[in-house]
């Protein structure tokens, strides 16, 4: 029998990487901060699965377990809504 499911709501913290807010990103992701470049507007993030790259405009997300990932802003807005 086919059933329908939806994801359980989870709360995450997120900061938008603007291509230059490296100090804010370092404060947000801590030891996962690897490197940043003003020339390419990128941020390198060290995760247990390897290095991921955030590009200017991307949302950097930290879940309740402390795992860090990135999403383009348009995908982030379709997936998450702000908790007041």
PDB file of N, CA and C in Angstrom:
ATOM      1  N   UNK A   1       0.829  -1.171   0.000  1.00  0.00           N
ATOM      2  CA  UNK A   1       0.000   0.000   0.000  1.00  0.00           C
ATOM      3  C   UNK A   1       0.891   1.258   0.000  1.00  0.00           C
ATOM      4  N   UNK A   2       0.554   2.210  -0.820  1.00  0.00           N
ATOM      5  CA  UNK A   2       1.309   3.467  -0.892  1.00  0.00           C
ATOM      6  C   UNK A   2       0.772   4.416   0.165  1.00  0.00           C
ATOM      7  N   UNK A   3       1.691   4.978   0.926  1.00  0.00           N
ATOM      8  CA  UNK A   3       1.342   5.966   1.946  1.00  0.00           C
ATOM      9  C   UNK A   3       2.029   7.272   1.611  1.00  0.00           C
ATOM     10  N   UNK A   4       1.503   8.354   2.132  1.00  0.00           N
ATOM     11  CA  UNK A   4       2.119   9.666   1.953  1.00  0.00           C
ATOM     12  C   UNK A   4       2.756  10.093   3.263  1.00  0.00           C
ATOM     13  N   UNK A   5       3.909  10.753   3.151  1.00  0.00           N
ATOM     14  CA  UNK A   5       4.642  11.216   4.324  1.00  0.00           C
ATOM     15  C   UNK A   5       5.087  12.654   4.101  1.00  0.00           C
ATOM     16  N   UNK A   6       5.293  13.373   5.198  1.00  0.00           N
ATOM     17  CA  UNK A   6       5.914  14.687   5.115  1.00  0.00           C
ATOM     18  C   UNK A   6       7.026  14.745   6.139  1.00  0.00           C
ATOM     19  N   UNK A   7       7.992  15.576   5.867  1.00  0.00           N
ATOM     20  CA  UNK A   7       9.108  15.706   6.791  1.00  0.00           C
ATOM     21  C   UNK A   7       8.638  16.314   8.100  1.00  0.00           C
ATOM     22  N   UNK A   8       9.211  15.798   9.182  1.00  0.00           N
ATOM     23  CA  UNK A   8       8.923  16.379  10.486  1.00  0.00           C
ATOM     24  C   UNK A   8       9.545  17.767  10.529  1.00  0.00           C
ATOM     25  N   UNK A   9       8.845  18.698  11.128  1.00  0.00           N
ATOM     26  CA  UNK A   9       9.438  20.034  11.191  1.00  0.00           C
ATOM     27  C   UNK A   9      10.670  20.048  12.099  1.00  0.00           C
ATOM     28  N   UNK A  10      11.719  20.641  11.597  1.00  0.00           N
ATOM     29  CA  UNK A  10      12.933  20.795  12.380  1.00  0.00           C
ATOM     30  C   UNK A  10      13.310  22.273  12.372  1.00  0.00           C
ATOM     31  N   UNK A  11      13.998  22.683  13.395  1.00  0.00           N
ATOM     32  CA  UNK A  11      14.445  24.068  13.467  1.00  0.00           C
ATOM     33  C   UNK A  11      15.948  24.091  13.252  1.00  0.00           C
ATOM     34  N   UNK A  12      16.390  24.960  12.362  1.00  0.00           N
ATOM     35  CA  UNK A  12      17.807  25.113  12.064  1.00  0.00           C
ATOM     36  C   UNK A  12      18.193  26.572  12.268  1.00  0.00           C
ATOM     37  N   UNK A  13      19.477  26.829  12.415  1.00  0.00           N
ATOM     38  CA  UNK A  13      20.004  28.183  12.410  1.00  0.00           C
ATOM     39  C   UNK A  13      20.629  28.400  11.041  1.00  0.00           C
ATOM     40  N   UNK A  14      20.554  29.625  10.524  1.00  0.00           N
ATOM     41  CA  UNK A  14      21.132  29.889   9.210  1.00  0.00           C
ATOM     42  C   UNK A  14      21.606  31.337   9.119  1.00  0.00           C
ATOM     43  N   UNK A  15      22.661  31.518   8.346  1.00  0.00           N
ATOM     44  CA  UNK A  15      23.205  32.838   8.058  1.00  0.00           C
ATOM     45  C   UNK A  15      23.472  32.890   6.561  1.00  0.00           C
ATOM     46  N   UNK A  16      23.087  33.999   5.928  1.00  0.00           N
ATOM     47  CA  UNK A  16      23.370  34.134   4.505  1.00  0.00           C
ATOM     48  C   UNK A  16      24.811  34.605   4.317  1.00  0.00           C
ATOM     49  N   UNK A  17      25.541  33.886   3.479  1.00  0.00           N
ATOM     50  CA  UNK A  17      26.901  34.271   3.118  1.00  0.00           C
ATOM     51  C   UNK A  17      26.796  35.308   2.011  1.00  0.00           C
ATOM     52  N   UNK A  18      27.344  36.509   2.238  1.00  0.00           N
ATOM     53  CA  UNK A  18      27.203  37.578   1.250  1.00  0.00           C
ATOM     54  C   UNK A  18      28.450  37.782   0.398  1.00  0.00           C
ATOM     55  N   UNK A  19      29.400  36.879   0.528  1.00  0.00           N
ATOM     56  CA  UNK A  19      30.622  36.981  -0.250  1.00  0.00           C
ATOM     57  C   UNK A  19      31.739  37.702   0.472  1.00  0.00           C
ATOM     58  N   UNK A  20      31.434  38.270   1.643  1.00  0.00           N
ATOM     59  CA  UNK A  20      32.462  38.997   2.364  1.00  0.00           C
ATOM     60  C   UNK A  20      32.344  38.947   3.869  1.00  0.00           C
ATOM     61  N   UNK A  21      31.281  38.355   4.388  1.00  0.00           N
ATOM     62  CA  UNK A  21      31.069  38.315   5.848  1.00  0.00           C
ATOM     63  C   UNK A  21      31.766  37.115   6.489  1.00  0.00           C
ATOM     64  N   UNK A  22      33.073  37.028   6.246  1.00  0.00           N
ATOM     65  CA  UNK A  22      33.852  35.882   6.708  1.00  0.00           C
ATOM     66  C   UNK A  22      33.903  35.793   8.230  1.00  0.00           C
ATOM     67  N   UNK A  23      34.049  36.905   8.914  1.00  0.00           N
ATOM     68  CA  UNK A  23      34.118  36.875  10.384  1.00  0.00           C
ATOM     69  C   UNK A  23      32.795  36.377  10.965  1.00  0.00           C
ATOM     70  N   UNK A  24      31.676  36.861  10.422  1.00  0.00           N
ATOM     71  CA  UNK A  24      30.365  36.398  10.882  1.00  0.00           C
ATOM     72  C   UNK A  24      30.217  34.896  10.646  1.00  0.00           C
ATOM     73  N   UNK A  25      30.676  34.424   9.490  1.00  0.00           N
ATOM     74  CA  UNK A  25      30.571  32.998   9.186  1.00  0.00           C
ATOM     75  C   UNK A  25      31.466  32.188  10.114  1.00  0.00           C
ATOM     76  N   UNK A  26      32.673  32.696  10.390  1.00  0.00           N
ATOM     77  CA  UNK A  26      33.576  31.988  11.303  1.00  0.00           C
ATOM     78  C   UNK A  26      32.962  31.900  12.697  1.00  0.00           C
ATOM     79  N   UNK A  27      32.340  32.970  13.156  1.00  0.00           N
ATOM     80  CA  UNK A  27      31.664  32.941  14.459  1.00  0.00           C
ATOM     81  C   UNK A  27      30.502  31.948  14.461  1.00  0.00           C
ATOM     82  N   UNK A  28      29.802  31.840  13.341  1.00  0.00           N
ATOM     83  CA  UNK A  28      28.636  30.961  13.237  1.00  0.00           C
ATOM     84  C   UNK A  28      29.022  29.488  13.163  1.00  0.00           C
ATOM     85  N   UNK A  29      30.003  29.151  12.324  1.00  0.00           N
ATOM     86  CA  UNK A  29      30.311  27.731  12.110  1.00  0.00           C
ATOM     87  C   UNK A  29      31.539  27.246  12.870  1.00  0.00           C
ATOM     88  N   UNK A  30      32.240  28.134  13.539  1.00  0.00           N
ATOM     89  CA  UNK A  30      33.343  27.734  14.409  1.00  0.00           C
ATOM     90  C   UNK A  30      34.449  26.990  13.698  1.00  0.00           C
ATOM     91  N   UNK A  31      34.815  25.839  14.244  1.00  0.00           N
ATOM     92  CA  UNK A  31      35.942  25.059  13.714  1.00  0.00           C
ATOM     93  C   UNK A  31      35.732  24.559  12.290  1.00  0.00           C
ATOM     94  N   UNK A  32      34.480  24.570  11.818  1.00  0.00           N
ATOM     95  CA  UNK A  32      34.217  24.119  10.454  1.00  0.00           C
ATOM     96  C   UNK A  32      34.691  25.136   9.416  1.00  0.00           C
ATOM     97  N   UNK A  33      34.960  26.373   9.863  1.00  0.00           N
ATOM     98  CA  UNK A  33      35.452  27.404   8.944  1.00  0.00           C
ATOM     99  C   UNK A  33      36.812  26.974   8.430  1.00  0.00           C
ATOM    100  N   UNK A  34      36.955  26.894   7.112  1.00  0.00           N
ATOM    101  CA  UNK A  34      38.221  26.454   6.529  1.00  0.00           C
ATOM    102  C   UNK A  34      38.954  27.628   5.878  1.00  0.00           C
ATOM    103  N   UNK A  35      38.297  28.298   4.934  1.00  0.00           N
ATOM    104  CA  UNK A  35      38.933  29.415   4.238  1.00  0.00           C
ATOM    105  C   UNK A  35      37.873  30.228   3.523  1.00  0.00           C
ATOM    106  N   UNK A  36      38.214  31.463   3.207  1.00  0.00           N
ATOM    107  CA  UNK A  36      37.327  32.323   2.445  1.00  0.00           C
ATOM    108  C   UNK A  36      38.125  33.103   1.428  1.00  0.00           C
ATOM    109  N   UNK A  37      37.454  33.519   0.355  1.00  0.00           N
ATOM    110  CA  UNK A  37      38.134  34.269  -0.692  1.00  0.00           C
ATOM    111  C   UNK A  37      37.287  35.455  -1.126  1.00  0.00           C
ATOM    112  N   UNK A  38      37.860  36.659  -0.980  1.00  0.00           N
ATOM    113  CA  UNK A  38      37.188  37.854  -1.494  1.00  0.00           C
ATOM    114  C   UNK A  38      37.218  37.880  -3.014  1.00  0.00           C
ATOM    115  N   UNK A  39      38.199  37.232  -3.606  1.00  0.00           N
ATOM    116  CA  UNK A  39      38.343  37.243  -5.066  1.00  0.00           C
ATOM    117  C   UNK A  39      37.226  36.440  -5.722  1.00  0.00           C
ATOM    118  N   UNK A  40      36.955  35.235  -5.202  1.00  0.00           N
ATOM    119  CA  UNK A  40      35.929  34.378  -5.806  1.00  0.00           C
ATOM    120  C   UNK A  40      34.603  34.420  -5.058  1.00  0.00           C
ATOM    121  N   UNK A  41      34.541  35.196  -3.969  1.00  0.00           N
ATOM    122  CA  UNK A  41      33.319  35.266  -3.147  1.00  0.00           C
ATOM    123  C   UNK A  41      32.850  33.884  -2.715  1.00  0.00           C
ATOM    124  N   UNK A  42      33.787  33.075  -2.224  1.00  0.00           N
ATOM    125  CA  UNK A  42      33.454  31.726  -1.773  1.00  0.00           C
ATOM    126  C   UNK A  42      33.929  31.510  -0.346  1.00  0.00           C
ATOM    127  N   UNK A  43      33.314  30.543   0.285  1.00  0.00           N
ATOM    128  CA  UNK A  43      33.639  30.147   1.646  1.00  0.00           C
ATOM    129  C   UNK A  43      33.796  28.637   1.657  1.00  0.00           C
ATOM    130  N   UNK A  44      34.905  28.142   2.166  1.00  0.00           N
ATOM    131  CA  UNK A  44      35.129  26.695   2.273  1.00  0.00           C
ATOM    132  C   UNK A  44      34.812  26.253   3.691  1.00  0.00           C
ATOM    133  N   UNK A  45      34.022  25.184   3.802  1.00  0.00           N
ATOM    134  CA  UNK A  45      33.565  24.687   5.094  1.00  0.00           C
ATOM    135  C   UNK A  45      33.972  23.222   5.219  1.00  0.00           C
ATOM    136  N   UNK A  46      34.663  22.908   6.301  1.00  0.00           N
ATOM    137  CA  UNK A  46      35.110  21.548   6.552  1.00  0.00           C
ATOM    138  C   UNK A  46      34.007  20.781   7.281  1.00  0.00           C
ATOM    139  N   UNK A  47      33.540  19.693   6.692  1.00  0.00           N
ATOM    140  CA  UNK A  47      32.513  18.854   7.303  1.00  0.00           C
ATOM    141  C   UNK A  47      33.051  17.428   7.423  1.00  0.00           C
ATOM    142  N   UNK A  48      32.395  16.574   8.186  1.00  0.00           N
ATOM    143  CA  UNK A  48      32.839  15.178   8.266  1.00  0.00           C
ATOM    144  C   UNK A  48      32.829  14.473   6.907  1.00  0.00           C
ATOM    145  N   UNK A  49      32.032  14.979   5.965  1.00  0.00           N
ATOM    146  CA  UNK A  49      31.946  14.371   4.636  1.00  0.00           C
ATOM    147  C   UNK A  49      32.908  15.008   3.641  1.00  0.00           C
ATOM    148  N   UNK A  50      33.676  16.000   4.073  1.00  0.00           N
ATOM    149  CA  UNK A  50      34.610  16.679   3.188  1.00  0.00           C
ATOM    150  C   UNK A  50      34.378  18.180   3.192  1.00  0.00           C
ATOM    151  N   UNK A  51      35.067  18.863   2.311  1.00  0.00           N
ATOM    152  CA  UNK A  51      34.942  20.314   2.221  1.00  0.00           C
ATOM    153  C   UNK A  51      33.784  20.660   1.289  1.00  0.00           C
ATOM    154  N   UNK A  52      32.918  21.567   1.755  1.00  0.00           N
ATOM    155  CA  UNK A  52      31.843  22.082   0.909  1.00  0.00           C
ATOM    156  C   UNK A  52      32.097  23.569   0.692  1.00  0.00           C
ATOM    157  N   UNK A  53      31.563  24.080  -0.387  1.00  0.00           N
ATOM    158  CA  UNK A  53      31.772  25.483  -0.739  1.00  0.00           C
ATOM    159  C   UNK A  53      30.455  26.235  -0.715  1.00  0.00           C
ATOM    160  N   UNK A  54      30.457  27.398  -0.065  1.00  0.00           N
ATOM    161  CA  UNK A  54      29.325  28.310  -0.107  1.00  0.00           C
ATOM    162  C   UNK A  54      29.691  29.441  -1.052  1.00  0.00           C
ATOM    163  N   UNK A  55      28.744  29.834  -1.882  1.00  0.00           N
ATOM    164  CA  UNK A  55      28.931  30.930  -2.813  1.00  0.00           C
ATOM    165  C   UNK A  55      28.127  32.128  -2.323  1.00  0.00           C
ATOM    166  N   UNK A  56      28.508  33.318  -2.754  1.00  0.00           N
ATOM    167  CA  UNK A  56      27.789  34.520  -2.341  1.00  0.00           C
ATOM    168  C   UNK A  56      26.295  34.344  -2.611  1.00  0.00           C
ATOM    169  N   UNK A  57      25.479  34.602  -1.603  1.00  0.00           N
ATOM    170  CA  UNK A  57      24.029  34.438  -1.709  1.00  0.00           C
ATOM    171  C   UNK A  57      23.520  33.151  -1.082  1.00  0.00           C
ATOM    172  N   UNK A  58      24.395  32.162  -0.915  1.00  0.00           N
ATOM    173  CA  UNK A  58      23.982  30.890  -0.312  1.00  0.00           C
ATOM    174  C   UNK A  58      23.651  31.065   1.159  1.00  0.00           C
ATOM    175  N   UNK A  59      22.786  30.208   1.652  1.00  0.00           N
ATOM    176  CA  UNK A  59      22.488  30.134   3.070  1.00  0.00           C
ATOM    177  C   UNK A  59      23.336  29.017   3.665  1.00  0.00           C
ATOM    178  N   UNK A  60      24.016  29.317   4.756  1.00  0.00           N
ATOM    179  CA  UNK A  60      24.793  28.315   5.481  1.00  0.00           C
ATOM    180  C   UNK A  60      23.932  27.889   6.662  1.00  0.00           C
ATOM    181  N   UNK A  61      23.688  26.596   6.778  1.00  0.00           N
ATOM    182  CA  UNK A  61      22.708  26.051   7.710  1.00  0.00           C
ATOM    183  C   UNK A  61      23.401  25.167   8.739  1.00  0.00           C
ATOM    184  N   UNK A  62      22.991  25.333   9.998  1.00  0.00           N
ATOM    185  CA  UNK A  62      23.477  24.457  11.070  1.00  0.00           C
ATOM    186  C   UNK A  62      22.244  23.811  11.698  1.00  0.00           C
ATOM    187  N   UNK A  63      22.187  22.468  11.685  1.00  0.00           N
ATOM    188  CA  UNK A  63      21.026  21.790  12.252  1.00  0.00           C
ATOM    189  C   UNK A  63      21.198  21.558  13.749  1.00  0.00           C
ATOM    190  N   UNK A  64      20.216  20.927  14.357  1.00  0.00           N
ATOM    191  CA  UNK A  64      20.214  20.720  15.810  1.00  0.00           C
ATOM    192  C   UNK A  64      21.348  19.808  16.271  1.00  0.00           C
ATOM    193  N   UNK A  65      21.914  19.030  15.359  1.00  0.00           N
ATOM    194  CA  UNK A  65      23.040  18.153  15.679  1.00  0.00           C
ATOM    195  C   UNK A  65      24.380  18.858  15.482  1.00  0.00           C
ATOM    196  N   UNK A  66      24.345  20.102  14.957  1.00  0.00           N
ATOM    197  CA  UNK A  66      25.556  20.852  14.693  1.00  0.00           C
ATOM    198  C   UNK A  66      26.128  20.616  13.304  1.00  0.00           C
ATOM    199  N   UNK A  67      25.437  19.797  12.490  1.00  0.00           N
ATOM    200  CA  UNK A  67      25.921  19.529  11.136  1.00  0.00           C
ATOM    201  C   UNK A  67      25.689  20.751  10.254  1.00  0.00           C
ATOM    202  N   UNK A  68      26.673  21.060   9.426  1.00  0.00           N
ATOM    203  CA  UNK A  68      26.622  22.256   8.588  1.00  0.00           C
ATOM    204  C   UNK A  68      26.452  21.860   7.134  1.00  0.00           C
ATOM    205  N   UNK A  69      25.595  22.598   6.436  1.00  0.00           N
ATOM    206  CA  UNK A  69      25.384  22.400   5.012  1.00  0.00           C
ATOM    207  C   UNK A  69      25.074  23.748   4.387  1.00  0.00           C
ATOM    208  N   UNK A  70      24.940  23.798   3.077  1.00  0.00           N
ATOM    209  CA  UNK A  70      24.583  25.034   2.391  1.00  0.00           C
ATOM    210  C   UNK A  70      23.425  24.776   1.435  1.00  0.00           C
ATOM    211  N   UNK A  71      22.696  25.833   1.130  1.00  0.00           N
ATOM    212  CA  UNK A  71      21.631  25.771   0.130  1.00  0.00           C
ATOM    213  C   UNK A  71      21.598  27.109  -0.600  1.00  0.00           C
ATOM    214  N   UNK A  72      21.331  27.103  -1.898  1.00  0.00           N
ATOM    215  CA  UNK A  72      21.079  28.376  -2.574  1.00  0.00           C
ATOM    216  C   UNK A  72      19.870  29.054  -1.913  1.00  0.00           C
ATOM    217  N   UNK A  73      19.868  30.379  -1.919  1.00  0.00           N
ATOM    218  CA  UNK A  73      18.811  31.108  -1.214  1.00  0.00           C
ATOM    219  C   UNK A  73      17.410  30.733  -1.697  1.00  0.00           C
ATOM    220  N   UNK A  74      17.200  30.550  -2.996  1.00  0.00           N
ATOM    221  CA  UNK A  74      15.859  30.233  -3.486  1.00  0.00           C
ATOM    222  C   UNK A  74      15.380  28.873  -2.986  1.00  0.00           C
ATOM    223  N   UNK A  75      16.264  27.893  -2.934  1.00  0.00           N
ATOM    224  CA  UNK A  75      15.903  26.568  -2.410  1.00  0.00           C
ATOM    225  C   UNK A  75      15.640  26.662  -0.911  1.00  0.00           C
ATOM    226  N   UNK A  76      16.472  27.420  -0.203  1.00  0.00           N
ATOM    227  CA  UNK A  76      16.289  27.608   1.233  1.00  0.00           C
ATOM    228  C   UNK A  76      14.910  28.199   1.520  1.00  0.00           C
ATOM    229  N   UNK A  77      14.518  29.221   0.770  1.00  0.00           N
ATOM    230  CA  UNK A  77      13.229  29.879   1.003  1.00  0.00           C
ATOM    231  C   UNK A  77      12.051  28.959   0.710  1.00  0.00           C
ATOM    232  N   UNK A  78      12.211  28.026  -0.218  1.00  0.00           N
ATOM    233  CA  UNK A  78      11.139  27.068  -0.510  1.00  0.00           C
ATOM    234  C   UNK A  78      11.042  25.993   0.567  1.00  0.00           C
ATOM    235  N   UNK A  79      12.154  25.735   1.255  1.00  0.00           N
ATOM    236  CA  UNK A  79      12.223  24.643   2.211  1.00  0.00           C
ATOM    237  C   UNK A  79      11.971  25.077   3.642  1.00  0.00           C
ATOM    238  N   UNK A  80      12.397  26.289   3.994  1.00  0.00           N
ATOM    239  CA  UNK A  80      12.329  26.746   5.386  1.00  0.00           C
ATOM    240  C   UNK A  80      11.501  28.019   5.501  1.00  0.00           C
ATOM    241  N   UNK A  81      10.888  28.173   6.665  1.00  0.00           N
ATOM    242  CA  UNK A  81      10.232  29.444   6.985  1.00  0.00           C
ATOM    243  C   UNK A  81      10.774  29.905   8.330  1.00  0.00           C
ATOM    244  N   UNK A  82      10.869  31.205   8.497  1.00  0.00           N
ATOM    245  CA  UNK A  82      11.441  31.761   9.712  1.00  0.00           C
ATOM    246  C   UNK A  82      10.569  31.455  10.931  1.00  0.00           C
ATOM    247  N   UNK A  83      11.200  31.086  12.011  1.00  0.00           N
ATOM    248  CA  UNK A  83      10.514  30.845  13.290  1.00  0.00           C
ATOM    249  C   UNK A  83      10.572  32.135  14.076  1.00  0.00           C
ATOM    250  N   UNK A  84       9.452  32.597  14.514  1.00  0.00           N
ATOM    251  CA  UNK A  84       9.397  33.852  15.291  1.00  0.00           C
ATOM    252  C   UNK A  84       9.466  33.559  16.764  1.00  0.00           C
TER     253      UNK A  84
END
